[in-house]
Amino acid sequence: MQRFSRAQLQPTPWKNGGGSTHEIASWPPGAGFEAFDWRVSIATIAAGGPFSVFAGVDRTIMLLEGDGVRLHAADSGLDHRLDTPFAPFAFSGDIALDCALLGGTSNDFNVMSRRARCEAEVRVLADAQSLPVASGGLLMSLRGRWQAGDQALAVGEGLWWADAVMAWTLTPLDDDARLVDVRFQTKLQET
């Protein structure tokens, strides 16, 4: 299990100059964009433009702060306004999307999973829960304080795990608290 704080994540500027990415976790360690099983990050979107295409990857994006963006792809008919905080939106990384700002800069939570190897489920929780066992996942407080087992999480703090069976009992410690729960389910590989 690894703890992290959003405030300590280092930004990597995009090649197109339209924003930056703050990587939280990627599995397996050291895997590049062509080899990861899953990846979780926070993106700062400062300008409109095309989203990178990731063939064979399923994506989920969720607005954290800001005015949001419009995601659209003429070829697939996808047209989505990502303007409601803490509302996950799933789409295929195979689609060539264009992004238009709906106002100023926005910050978005991003999950990518390689379709042939694993599936990701992204939920936002508001109530106390006991989560089932998972061999990979991530928890991060979006609003308020949370107790995750014996780990206290303040806003922007979280933990992630991979290749280790973990179950969690989650308790919000503040009114109106929100926490993002990401679960990765590994697919069995045919031999």
N, C-alpha and C. Protein backbone atom coordinates (compact mmCIF):
# COMPACT_ATOMS: atom_id res chain seq x y z
N MET A 1 0.85 -1.18 0.00
CA MET A 1 0.00 0.00 0.00
C MET A 1 0.89 1.24 0.00
N GLN A 2 0.51 2.21 -0.82
CA GLN A 2 1.25 3.47 -0.93
C GLN A 2 0.32 4.63 -0.60
N ARG A 3 0.76 5.52 0.28
CA ARG A 3 0.02 6.75 0.56
C ARG A 3 0.50 7.85 -0.39
N PHE A 4 -0.38 8.81 -0.67
CA PHE A 4 0.01 9.96 -1.48
C PHE A 4 -0.78 11.18 -1.05
N SER A 5 -0.26 12.33 -1.40
CA SER A 5 -0.95 13.60 -1.19
C SER A 5 -0.97 14.33 -2.52
N ARG A 6 -2.12 14.78 -2.92
CA ARG A 6 -2.27 15.50 -4.18
C ARG A 6 -1.33 16.71 -4.23
N ALA A 7 -1.12 17.36 -3.09
CA ALA A 7 -0.27 18.55 -3.05
C ALA A 7 1.19 18.24 -3.36
N GLN A 8 1.59 16.99 -3.24
CA GLN A 8 2.99 16.62 -3.47
C GLN A 8 3.23 15.98 -4.83
N LEU A 9 2.19 15.83 -5.64
CA LEU A 9 2.35 15.23 -6.97
C LEU A 9 3.03 16.24 -7.90
N GLN A 10 4.03 15.76 -8.64
CA GLN A 10 4.78 16.64 -9.54
C GLN A 10 4.13 16.69 -10.93
N PRO A 11 4.00 17.89 -11.52
CA PRO A 11 3.38 18.00 -12.84
C PRO A 11 4.35 17.64 -13.97
N THR A 12 3.79 17.03 -15.00
CA THR A 12 4.52 16.79 -16.25
C THR A 12 3.76 17.55 -17.35
N PRO A 13 4.38 18.60 -17.92
CA PRO A 13 3.69 19.39 -18.95
C PRO A 13 3.40 18.55 -20.20
N TRP A 14 2.27 18.84 -20.84
CA TRP A 14 1.92 18.16 -22.08
C TRP A 14 2.76 18.73 -23.22
N LYS A 15 3.04 17.89 -24.20
CA LYS A 15 3.82 18.31 -25.37
C LYS A 15 3.13 19.42 -26.15
N ASN A 16 1.77 19.42 -26.15
CA ASN A 16 1.04 20.43 -26.92
C ASN A 16 0.85 21.73 -26.15
N GLY A 17 1.32 21.80 -24.89
CA GLY A 17 1.23 23.02 -24.11
C GLY A 17 -0.14 23.30 -23.52
N GLY A 18 -1.10 22.38 -23.69
CA GLY A 18 -2.47 22.62 -23.24
C GLY A 18 -2.76 22.27 -21.80
N GLY A 19 -1.76 21.76 -21.08
CA GLY A 19 -1.99 21.40 -19.68
C GLY A 19 -0.84 20.59 -19.12
N SER A 20 -1.14 19.88 -18.04
CA SER A 20 -0.13 19.04 -17.40
C SER A 20 -0.80 17.86 -16.72
N THR A 21 0.00 16.84 -16.44
CA THR A 21 -0.49 15.64 -15.76
C THR A 21 0.28 15.45 -14.47
N HIS A 22 -0.44 15.11 -13.41
CA HIS A 22 0.14 14.76 -12.12
C HIS A 22 -0.15 13.27 -11.92
N GLU A 23 0.82 12.41 -12.20
CA GLU A 23 0.59 10.97 -12.06
C GLU A 23 0.53 10.58 -10.59
N ILE A 24 -0.51 9.81 -10.24
CA ILE A 24 -0.64 9.27 -8.89
C ILE A 24 -0.02 7.89 -8.83
N ALA A 25 -0.42 7.02 -9.76
CA ALA A 25 0.07 5.64 -9.75
C ALA A 25 -0.05 5.04 -11.13
N SER A 26 0.86 4.12 -11.43
CA SER A 26 0.82 3.37 -12.68
C SER A 26 1.31 1.96 -12.37
N TRP A 27 0.66 0.96 -12.97
CA TRP A 27 1.02 -0.43 -12.70
C TRP A 27 1.21 -1.17 -14.01
N PRO A 28 2.25 -1.97 -14.16
CA PRO A 28 3.33 -2.22 -13.21
C PRO A 28 4.30 -1.05 -13.15
N PRO A 29 5.11 -1.00 -12.07
CA PRO A 29 6.04 0.12 -11.90
C PRO A 29 6.98 0.26 -13.10
N GLY A 30 7.17 1.51 -13.54
CA GLY A 30 8.09 1.79 -14.63
C GLY A 30 7.54 1.53 -16.02
N ALA A 31 6.31 1.03 -16.10
CA ALA A 31 5.72 0.76 -17.42
C ALA A 31 5.40 2.08 -18.12
N GLY A 32 5.76 2.18 -19.38
CA GLY A 32 5.45 3.36 -20.17
C GLY A 32 4.02 3.32 -20.67
N PHE A 33 3.69 4.27 -21.55
CA PHE A 33 2.32 4.35 -22.07
C PHE A 33 1.90 3.13 -22.88
N GLU A 34 2.84 2.41 -23.44
CA GLU A 34 2.50 1.24 -24.25
C GLU A 34 2.37 -0.04 -23.42
N ALA A 35 2.78 0.00 -22.13
CA ALA A 35 2.87 -1.24 -21.36
C ALA A 35 2.10 -1.24 -20.04
N PHE A 36 1.53 -0.11 -19.61
CA PHE A 36 0.85 -0.13 -18.31
C PHE A 36 -0.40 -1.00 -18.36
N ASP A 37 -0.74 -1.60 -17.21
CA ASP A 37 -2.03 -2.28 -17.05
C ASP A 37 -3.09 -1.26 -16.67
N TRP A 38 -2.72 -0.38 -15.72
CA TRP A 38 -3.61 0.71 -15.33
C TRP A 38 -2.79 1.92 -14.89
N ARG A 39 -3.45 3.07 -14.94
CA ARG A 39 -2.80 4.33 -14.60
C ARG A 39 -3.85 5.28 -14.05
N VAL A 40 -3.48 6.02 -12.98
CA VAL A 40 -4.37 7.01 -12.37
C VAL A 40 -3.61 8.33 -12.26
N SER A 41 -4.25 9.42 -12.67
CA SER A 41 -3.59 10.72 -12.65
C SER A 41 -4.62 11.82 -12.47
N ILE A 42 -4.10 13.03 -12.25
CA ILE A 42 -4.92 14.24 -12.25
C ILE A 42 -4.35 15.14 -13.33
N ALA A 43 -5.22 15.62 -14.21
CA ALA A 43 -4.79 16.49 -15.30
C ALA A 43 -5.30 17.90 -15.07
N THR A 44 -4.46 18.86 -15.38
CA THR A 44 -4.86 20.26 -15.42
C THR A 44 -5.02 20.61 -16.89
N ILE A 45 -6.25 20.96 -17.28
CA ILE A 45 -6.52 21.31 -18.67
C ILE A 45 -6.63 22.82 -18.76
N ALA A 46 -5.66 23.44 -19.45
CA ALA A 46 -5.60 24.90 -19.55
C ALA A 46 -5.99 25.43 -20.92
N ALA A 47 -6.06 24.54 -21.93
CA ALA A 47 -6.42 24.95 -23.29
C ALA A 47 -7.10 23.79 -23.98
N GLY A 48 -7.99 24.10 -24.92
CA GLY A 48 -8.65 23.07 -25.69
C GLY A 48 -7.70 22.41 -26.68
N GLY A 49 -8.15 21.29 -27.24
CA GLY A 49 -7.34 20.58 -28.22
C GLY A 49 -7.67 19.10 -28.21
N PRO A 50 -6.96 18.31 -29.01
CA PRO A 50 -7.24 16.88 -29.08
C PRO A 50 -6.75 16.14 -27.85
N PHE A 51 -7.52 15.12 -27.44
CA PHE A 51 -7.08 14.19 -26.41
C PHE A 51 -6.21 13.14 -27.07
N SER A 52 -5.23 12.63 -26.36
CA SER A 52 -4.40 11.55 -26.89
C SER A 52 -5.24 10.30 -27.06
N VAL A 53 -5.01 9.57 -28.15
CA VAL A 53 -5.68 8.30 -28.40
C VAL A 53 -4.85 7.20 -27.75
N PHE A 54 -5.52 6.32 -27.01
CA PHE A 54 -4.89 5.16 -26.38
C PHE A 54 -5.64 3.92 -26.83
N ALA A 55 -5.16 3.29 -27.91
CA ALA A 55 -5.82 2.10 -28.44
C ALA A 55 -5.80 0.99 -27.41
N GLY A 56 -6.94 0.32 -27.25
CA GLY A 56 -7.04 -0.81 -26.32
C GLY A 56 -7.16 -0.41 -24.86
N VAL A 57 -7.40 0.88 -24.60
CA VAL A 57 -7.48 1.38 -23.23
C VAL A 57 -8.87 1.95 -22.98
N ASP A 58 -9.45 1.60 -21.83
CA ASP A 58 -10.71 2.20 -21.39
C ASP A 58 -10.36 3.32 -20.43
N ARG A 59 -11.11 4.42 -20.54
CA ARG A 59 -10.81 5.61 -19.74
C ARG A 59 -12.03 6.04 -18.95
N THR A 60 -11.77 6.63 -17.80
CA THR A 60 -12.80 7.30 -17.01
C THR A 60 -12.22 8.64 -16.58
N ILE A 61 -13.00 9.69 -16.77
CA ILE A 61 -12.57 11.05 -16.40
C ILE A 61 -13.64 11.65 -15.50
N MET A 62 -13.20 12.48 -14.55
CA MET A 62 -14.13 13.09 -13.61
C MET A 62 -13.63 14.49 -13.27
N LEU A 63 -14.50 15.48 -13.38
CA LEU A 63 -14.15 16.86 -13.03
C LEU A 63 -13.94 16.97 -11.53
N LEU A 64 -12.82 17.57 -11.13
CA LEU A 64 -12.54 17.86 -9.72
C LEU A 64 -12.84 19.32 -9.40
N GLU A 65 -12.25 20.23 -10.18
CA GLU A 65 -12.47 21.66 -9.98
C GLU A 65 -12.46 22.35 -11.34
N GLY A 66 -13.11 23.52 -11.36
CA GLY A 66 -13.10 24.34 -12.57
C GLY A 66 -14.43 24.28 -13.31
N ASP A 67 -14.43 24.94 -14.47
CA ASP A 67 -15.65 25.03 -15.27
C ASP A 67 -15.94 23.78 -16.08
N GLY A 68 -14.92 22.96 -16.30
CA GLY A 68 -15.11 21.73 -17.05
C GLY A 68 -14.78 21.87 -18.52
N VAL A 69 -15.05 20.79 -19.25
CA VAL A 69 -14.74 20.72 -20.67
C VAL A 69 -15.86 20.02 -21.42
N ARG A 70 -15.88 20.25 -22.72
CA ARG A 70 -16.77 19.51 -23.61
C ARG A 70 -15.90 18.54 -24.38
N LEU A 71 -16.25 17.26 -24.31
CA LEU A 71 -15.55 16.22 -25.06
C LEU A 71 -16.43 15.84 -26.24
N HIS A 72 -15.86 15.88 -27.44
CA HIS A 72 -16.68 15.53 -28.60
C HIS A 72 -15.82 14.85 -29.67
N ALA A 73 -16.49 13.97 -30.40
CA ALA A 73 -15.85 13.25 -31.50
C ALA A 73 -16.88 13.09 -32.60
N ALA A 74 -16.68 13.78 -33.69
CA ALA A 74 -17.65 13.75 -34.78
C ALA A 74 -17.83 12.35 -35.33
N ASP A 75 -16.74 11.58 -35.45
CA ASP A 75 -16.81 10.24 -36.05
C ASP A 75 -17.67 9.27 -35.24
N SER A 76 -17.62 9.36 -33.90
CA SER A 76 -18.34 8.39 -33.07
C SER A 76 -19.66 8.93 -32.54
N GLY A 77 -19.90 10.22 -32.70
CA GLY A 77 -21.12 10.82 -32.18
C GLY A 77 -21.04 11.15 -30.70
N LEU A 78 -19.89 10.94 -30.07
CA LEU A 78 -19.75 11.25 -28.65
C LEU A 78 -19.71 12.76 -28.47
N ASP A 79 -20.53 13.24 -27.55
CA ASP A 79 -20.58 14.66 -27.21
C ASP A 79 -20.99 14.75 -25.75
N HIS A 80 -20.04 15.08 -24.87
CA HIS A 80 -20.30 15.07 -23.44
C HIS A 80 -19.75 16.32 -22.77
N ARG A 81 -20.59 16.97 -21.96
CA ARG A 81 -20.14 18.11 -21.15
C ARG A 81 -19.70 17.56 -19.79
N LEU A 82 -18.43 17.68 -19.51
CA LEU A 82 -17.87 17.26 -18.23
C LEU A 82 -17.84 18.51 -17.35
N ASP A 83 -19.00 18.84 -16.77
CA ASP A 83 -19.12 20.09 -16.03
C ASP A 83 -19.73 19.91 -14.64
N THR A 84 -19.93 18.67 -14.21
CA THR A 84 -20.45 18.38 -12.88
C THR A 84 -19.36 17.70 -12.07
N PRO A 85 -18.88 18.34 -10.99
CA PRO A 85 -17.83 17.73 -10.19
C PRO A 85 -18.25 16.37 -9.63
N PHE A 86 -17.27 15.48 -9.56
CA PHE A 86 -17.40 14.16 -8.93
C PHE A 86 -18.40 13.24 -9.65
N ALA A 87 -18.55 13.41 -10.96
CA ALA A 87 -19.44 12.56 -11.77
C ALA A 87 -18.59 11.83 -12.81
N PRO A 88 -18.16 10.59 -12.54
CA PRO A 88 -17.29 9.86 -13.47
C PRO A 88 -17.96 9.63 -14.83
N PHE A 89 -17.17 9.79 -15.90
CA PHE A 89 -17.63 9.55 -17.27
C PHE A 89 -16.65 8.59 -17.94
N ALA A 90 -17.15 7.44 -18.36
CA ALA A 90 -16.32 6.40 -18.98
C ALA A 90 -16.44 6.47 -20.50
N PHE A 91 -15.31 6.23 -21.20
CA PHE A 91 -15.30 6.21 -22.65
C PHE A 91 -14.10 5.40 -23.13
N SER A 92 -14.11 5.04 -24.40
CA SER A 92 -13.03 4.26 -24.99
C SER A 92 -11.87 5.17 -25.37
N GLY A 93 -10.66 4.76 -25.00
CA GLY A 93 -9.46 5.50 -25.39
C GLY A 93 -9.15 5.38 -26.86
N ASP A 94 -9.88 4.50 -27.58
CA ASP A 94 -9.70 4.33 -29.02
C ASP A 94 -10.26 5.51 -29.81
N ILE A 95 -11.15 6.27 -29.18
CA ILE A 95 -11.85 7.37 -29.86
C ILE A 95 -10.96 8.61 -29.90
N ALA A 96 -10.86 9.23 -31.06
CA ALA A 96 -10.13 10.50 -31.20
C ALA A 96 -11.07 11.62 -30.77
N LEU A 97 -10.83 12.15 -29.55
CA LEU A 97 -11.68 13.18 -28.98
C LEU A 97 -11.05 14.55 -29.08
N ASP A 98 -11.89 15.56 -29.23
CA ASP A 98 -11.48 16.94 -29.09
C ASP A 98 -12.05 17.46 -27.78
N CYS A 99 -11.30 18.35 -27.16
CA CYS A 99 -11.67 18.92 -25.87
C CYS A 99 -11.77 20.43 -26.01
N ALA A 100 -12.88 21.00 -25.54
CA ALA A 100 -13.05 22.46 -25.54
C ALA A 100 -13.34 22.90 -24.11
N LEU A 101 -12.62 23.93 -23.66
CA LEU A 101 -12.87 24.47 -22.32
C LEU A 101 -14.26 25.10 -22.26
N LEU A 102 -14.92 24.93 -21.12
CA LEU A 102 -16.23 25.56 -20.91
C LEU A 102 -16.09 26.86 -20.14
N GLY A 103 -14.88 27.28 -19.90
CA GLY A 103 -14.57 28.49 -19.15
C GLY A 103 -13.07 28.51 -18.93
N GLY A 104 -12.66 28.61 -17.67
CA GLY A 104 -11.24 28.61 -17.34
C GLY A 104 -10.67 27.21 -17.19
N THR A 105 -9.48 27.16 -16.64
CA THR A 105 -8.75 25.92 -16.41
C THR A 105 -9.55 24.97 -15.52
N SER A 106 -9.45 23.68 -15.80
CA SER A 106 -10.11 22.69 -14.94
C SER A 106 -9.12 21.60 -14.55
N ASN A 107 -9.41 20.93 -13.45
CA ASN A 107 -8.63 19.79 -12.98
C ASN A 107 -9.51 18.56 -13.02
N ASP A 108 -8.98 17.50 -13.62
CA ASP A 108 -9.76 16.28 -13.83
C ASP A 108 -9.02 15.05 -13.31
N PHE A 109 -9.76 14.14 -12.72
CA PHE A 109 -9.26 12.86 -12.24
C PHE A 109 -9.39 11.87 -13.39
N ASN A 110 -8.31 11.13 -13.68
CA ASN A 110 -8.29 10.24 -14.85
C ASN A 110 -7.87 8.83 -14.47
N VAL A 111 -8.60 7.85 -14.98
CA VAL A 111 -8.26 6.44 -14.79
C VAL A 111 -8.18 5.80 -16.17
N MET A 112 -7.09 5.08 -16.42
CA MET A 112 -6.93 4.34 -17.67
C MET A 112 -6.64 2.88 -17.33
N SER A 113 -7.29 1.96 -18.04
CA SER A 113 -7.02 0.53 -17.84
C SER A 113 -6.94 -0.16 -19.21
N ARG A 114 -5.92 -0.99 -19.35
CA ARG A 114 -5.73 -1.72 -20.60
C ARG A 114 -6.79 -2.80 -20.69
N ARG A 115 -7.67 -2.69 -21.66
CA ARG A 115 -8.88 -3.51 -21.79
C ARG A 115 -8.60 -5.01 -21.76
N ALA A 116 -7.52 -5.47 -22.37
CA ALA A 116 -7.22 -6.90 -22.43
C ALA A 116 -6.73 -7.45 -21.09
N ARG A 117 -6.29 -6.56 -20.19
CA ARG A 117 -5.67 -7.03 -18.95
C ARG A 117 -6.49 -6.79 -17.69
N CYS A 118 -7.27 -5.71 -17.67
CA CYS A 118 -8.04 -5.43 -16.45
C CYS A 118 -9.21 -4.49 -16.75
N GLU A 119 -10.11 -4.42 -15.78
CA GLU A 119 -11.24 -3.50 -15.84
C GLU A 119 -11.15 -2.58 -14.64
N ALA A 120 -11.59 -1.34 -14.82
CA ALA A 120 -11.62 -0.38 -13.73
C ALA A 120 -13.05 0.02 -13.43
N GLU A 121 -13.36 0.14 -12.16
CA GLU A 121 -14.64 0.69 -11.72
C GLU A 121 -14.33 1.92 -10.88
N VAL A 122 -14.98 3.04 -11.21
CA VAL A 122 -14.73 4.30 -10.51
C VAL A 122 -16.06 4.77 -9.92
N ARG A 123 -16.06 4.93 -8.59
CA ARG A 123 -17.27 5.39 -7.89
C ARG A 123 -16.91 6.51 -6.93
N VAL A 124 -17.87 7.39 -6.67
CA VAL A 124 -17.72 8.41 -5.64
C VAL A 124 -18.64 8.04 -4.50
N LEU A 125 -18.07 7.94 -3.30
CA LEU A 125 -18.80 7.49 -2.12
C LEU A 125 -19.07 8.67 -1.19
N ALA A 126 -20.22 8.60 -0.51
CA ALA A 126 -20.61 9.63 0.45
C ALA A 126 -20.92 9.03 1.82
N ASP A 127 -21.09 7.71 1.90
CA ASP A 127 -21.52 7.06 3.13
C ASP A 127 -20.51 6.01 3.58
N ALA A 128 -20.59 5.63 4.85
CA ALA A 128 -19.76 4.56 5.38
C ALA A 128 -20.03 3.27 4.62
N GLN A 129 -18.96 2.53 4.31
CA GLN A 129 -19.10 1.29 3.54
C GLN A 129 -17.98 0.33 3.88
N SER A 130 -18.26 -0.94 3.69
CA SER A 130 -17.22 -1.97 3.72
C SER A 130 -17.03 -2.42 2.29
N LEU A 131 -15.84 -2.22 1.75
CA LEU A 131 -15.58 -2.57 0.36
C LEU A 131 -15.10 -4.01 0.27
N PRO A 132 -15.49 -4.71 -0.78
CA PRO A 132 -15.02 -6.08 -0.96
C PRO A 132 -13.53 -6.11 -1.28
N VAL A 133 -12.96 -7.28 -1.15
CA VAL A 133 -11.54 -7.48 -1.44
C VAL A 133 -11.25 -7.16 -2.90
N ALA A 134 -10.11 -6.49 -3.12
CA ALA A 134 -9.64 -6.21 -4.48
C ALA A 134 -8.12 -6.31 -4.47
N SER A 135 -7.55 -6.78 -5.58
CA SER A 135 -6.10 -6.91 -5.65
C SER A 135 -5.42 -5.64 -6.15
N GLY A 136 -6.19 -4.63 -6.50
CA GLY A 136 -5.63 -3.35 -6.91
C GLY A 136 -6.69 -2.27 -6.80
N GLY A 137 -6.28 -1.06 -6.43
CA GLY A 137 -7.23 0.02 -6.34
C GLY A 137 -6.62 1.28 -5.78
N LEU A 138 -7.49 2.29 -5.62
CA LEU A 138 -7.07 3.59 -5.13
C LEU A 138 -8.25 4.23 -4.41
N LEU A 139 -7.95 4.90 -3.30
CA LEU A 139 -8.92 5.69 -2.55
C LEU A 139 -8.35 7.09 -2.37
N MET A 140 -9.17 8.13 -2.57
CA MET A 140 -8.72 9.50 -2.35
C MET A 140 -9.88 10.34 -1.85
N SER A 141 -9.62 11.10 -0.79
CA SER A 141 -10.64 12.01 -0.28
C SER A 141 -10.80 13.19 -1.22
N LEU A 142 -12.01 13.41 -1.68
CA LEU A 142 -12.33 14.54 -2.56
C LEU A 142 -12.83 15.74 -1.75
N ARG A 143 -13.52 15.42 -0.65
CA ARG A 143 -14.08 16.46 0.21
C ARG A 143 -14.20 15.88 1.62
N GLY A 144 -13.77 16.61 2.62
CA GLY A 144 -13.89 16.16 4.00
C GLY A 144 -12.83 15.13 4.38
N ARG A 145 -12.91 14.69 5.62
CA ARG A 145 -11.97 13.68 6.14
C ARG A 145 -12.64 12.31 6.15
N TRP A 146 -11.81 11.28 5.93
CA TRP A 146 -12.28 9.90 5.90
C TRP A 146 -11.37 9.02 6.74
N GLN A 147 -11.94 7.96 7.26
CA GLN A 147 -11.16 6.89 7.90
C GLN A 147 -11.26 5.68 6.99
N ALA A 148 -10.11 5.20 6.51
CA ALA A 148 -10.04 4.01 5.64
C ALA A 148 -9.26 2.95 6.43
N GLY A 149 -9.98 2.05 7.09
CA GLY A 149 -9.31 1.10 7.98
C GLY A 149 -8.61 1.88 9.07
N ASP A 150 -7.30 1.69 9.22
CA ASP A 150 -6.54 2.43 10.23
C ASP A 150 -5.86 3.68 9.64
N GLN A 151 -6.20 4.02 8.39
CA GLN A 151 -5.60 5.17 7.71
C GLN A 151 -6.56 6.36 7.70
N ALA A 152 -6.08 7.52 8.20
CA ALA A 152 -6.86 8.76 8.15
C ALA A 152 -6.51 9.49 6.86
N LEU A 153 -7.54 9.94 6.14
CA LEU A 153 -7.35 10.65 4.87
C LEU A 153 -8.01 12.03 4.95
N ALA A 154 -7.21 13.09 4.77
CA ALA A 154 -7.74 14.44 4.66
C ALA A 154 -7.99 14.73 3.18
N VAL A 155 -8.58 15.88 2.88
CA VAL A 155 -8.85 16.25 1.49
C VAL A 155 -7.56 16.20 0.67
N GLY A 156 -7.62 15.51 -0.48
CA GLY A 156 -6.47 15.41 -1.36
C GLY A 156 -5.49 14.31 -0.99
N GLU A 157 -5.75 13.61 0.09
CA GLU A 157 -4.89 12.50 0.49
C GLU A 157 -5.52 11.19 0.07
N GLY A 158 -4.67 10.21 -0.23
CA GLY A 158 -5.20 8.92 -0.64
C GLY A 158 -4.18 7.82 -0.47
N LEU A 159 -4.57 6.66 -0.93
CA LEU A 159 -3.70 5.49 -0.92
C LEU A 159 -4.04 4.62 -2.10
N TRP A 160 -3.06 3.86 -2.54
CA TRP A 160 -3.29 2.92 -3.64
C TRP A 160 -2.52 1.65 -3.35
N TRP A 161 -2.98 0.57 -3.96
CA TRP A 161 -2.34 -0.72 -3.79
C TRP A 161 -2.46 -1.52 -5.08
N ALA A 162 -1.55 -2.44 -5.26
CA ALA A 162 -1.56 -3.32 -6.44
C ALA A 162 -0.89 -4.62 -6.07
N ASP A 163 -1.36 -5.68 -6.67
CA ASP A 163 -0.75 -6.99 -6.45
C ASP A 163 -0.78 -7.39 -4.98
N ALA A 164 -1.79 -6.92 -4.27
CA ALA A 164 -1.97 -7.25 -2.85
C ALA A 164 -3.46 -7.23 -2.55
N VAL A 165 -3.96 -8.26 -1.92
CA VAL A 165 -5.39 -8.35 -1.62
C VAL A 165 -5.71 -7.43 -0.44
N MET A 166 -6.60 -6.47 -0.67
CA MET A 166 -6.97 -5.50 0.36
C MET A 166 -8.49 -5.35 0.40
N ALA A 167 -9.01 -5.19 1.61
CA ALA A 167 -10.42 -4.85 1.83
C ALA A 167 -10.44 -3.63 2.74
N TRP A 168 -11.46 -2.79 2.60
CA TRP A 168 -11.49 -1.54 3.35
C TRP A 168 -12.83 -1.32 4.01
N THR A 169 -12.79 -0.77 5.22
CA THR A 169 -13.96 -0.23 5.89
C THR A 169 -13.78 1.28 5.86
N LEU A 170 -14.71 1.98 5.24
CA LEU A 170 -14.61 3.43 5.04
C LEU A 170 -15.65 4.16 5.87
N THR A 171 -15.22 5.24 6.53
CA THR A 171 -16.13 6.03 7.36
C THR A 171 -15.87 7.50 7.10
N PRO A 172 -16.90 8.25 6.64
CA PRO A 172 -16.71 9.70 6.50
C PRO A 172 -16.71 10.34 7.89
N LEU A 173 -15.82 11.30 8.11
CA LEU A 173 -15.71 11.96 9.41
C LEU A 173 -16.30 13.37 9.40
N ASP A 174 -16.71 13.84 8.23
CA ASP A 174 -17.31 15.16 8.10
C ASP A 174 -18.61 15.07 7.31
N ASP A 175 -19.52 16.00 7.57
CA ASP A 175 -20.74 16.09 6.76
C ASP A 175 -20.35 16.43 5.34
N ASP A 176 -21.07 15.90 4.38
CA ASP A 176 -20.86 16.18 2.96
C ASP A 176 -19.50 15.71 2.44
N ALA A 177 -18.87 14.74 3.13
CA ALA A 177 -17.59 14.18 2.68
C ALA A 177 -17.81 13.34 1.42
N ARG A 178 -16.79 13.33 0.54
CA ARG A 178 -16.82 12.52 -0.68
C ARG A 178 -15.45 11.87 -0.85
N LEU A 179 -15.46 10.64 -1.35
CA LEU A 179 -14.23 9.88 -1.57
C LEU A 179 -14.35 9.14 -2.89
N VAL A 180 -13.28 9.15 -3.70
CA VAL A 180 -13.29 8.37 -4.94
C VAL A 180 -12.70 6.99 -4.64
N ASP A 181 -13.40 5.97 -5.11
CA ASP A 181 -13.02 4.57 -4.95
C ASP A 181 -12.78 4.00 -6.35
N VAL A 182 -11.55 3.59 -6.61
CA VAL A 182 -11.20 2.97 -7.89
C VAL A 182 -10.81 1.53 -7.61
N ARG A 183 -11.45 0.60 -8.31
CA ARG A 183 -11.17 -0.83 -8.14
C ARG A 183 -10.73 -1.41 -9.47
N PHE A 184 -9.63 -2.17 -9.44
CA PHE A 184 -9.14 -2.82 -10.65
C PHE A 184 -9.35 -4.32 -10.52
N GLN A 185 -9.97 -4.89 -11.55
CA GLN A 185 -10.20 -6.32 -11.62
C GLN A 185 -9.35 -6.88 -12.75
N THR A 186 -8.37 -7.69 -12.41
CA THR A 186 -7.49 -8.29 -13.41
C THR A 186 -8.24 -9.37 -14.19
N LYS A 187 -8.06 -9.36 -15.49
CA LYS A 187 -8.67 -10.39 -16.33
C LYS A 187 -7.74 -11.59 -16.43
N LEU A 188 -8.31 -12.77 -16.44
CA LEU A 188 -7.51 -13.98 -16.59
C LEU A 188 -6.94 -14.03 -18.01
N GLN A 189 -5.66 -14.30 -18.09
CA GLN A 189 -5.00 -14.38 -19.39
C GLN A 189 -5.06 -15.81 -19.92
N GLU A 190 -5.42 -15.95 -21.18
CA GLU A 190 -5.43 -17.28 -21.80
C GLU A 190 -4.01 -17.72 -22.10
N THR A 191 -3.77 -19.02 -21.92
CA THR A 191 -2.43 -19.54 -22.19
C THR A 191 -2.44 -20.47 -23.40
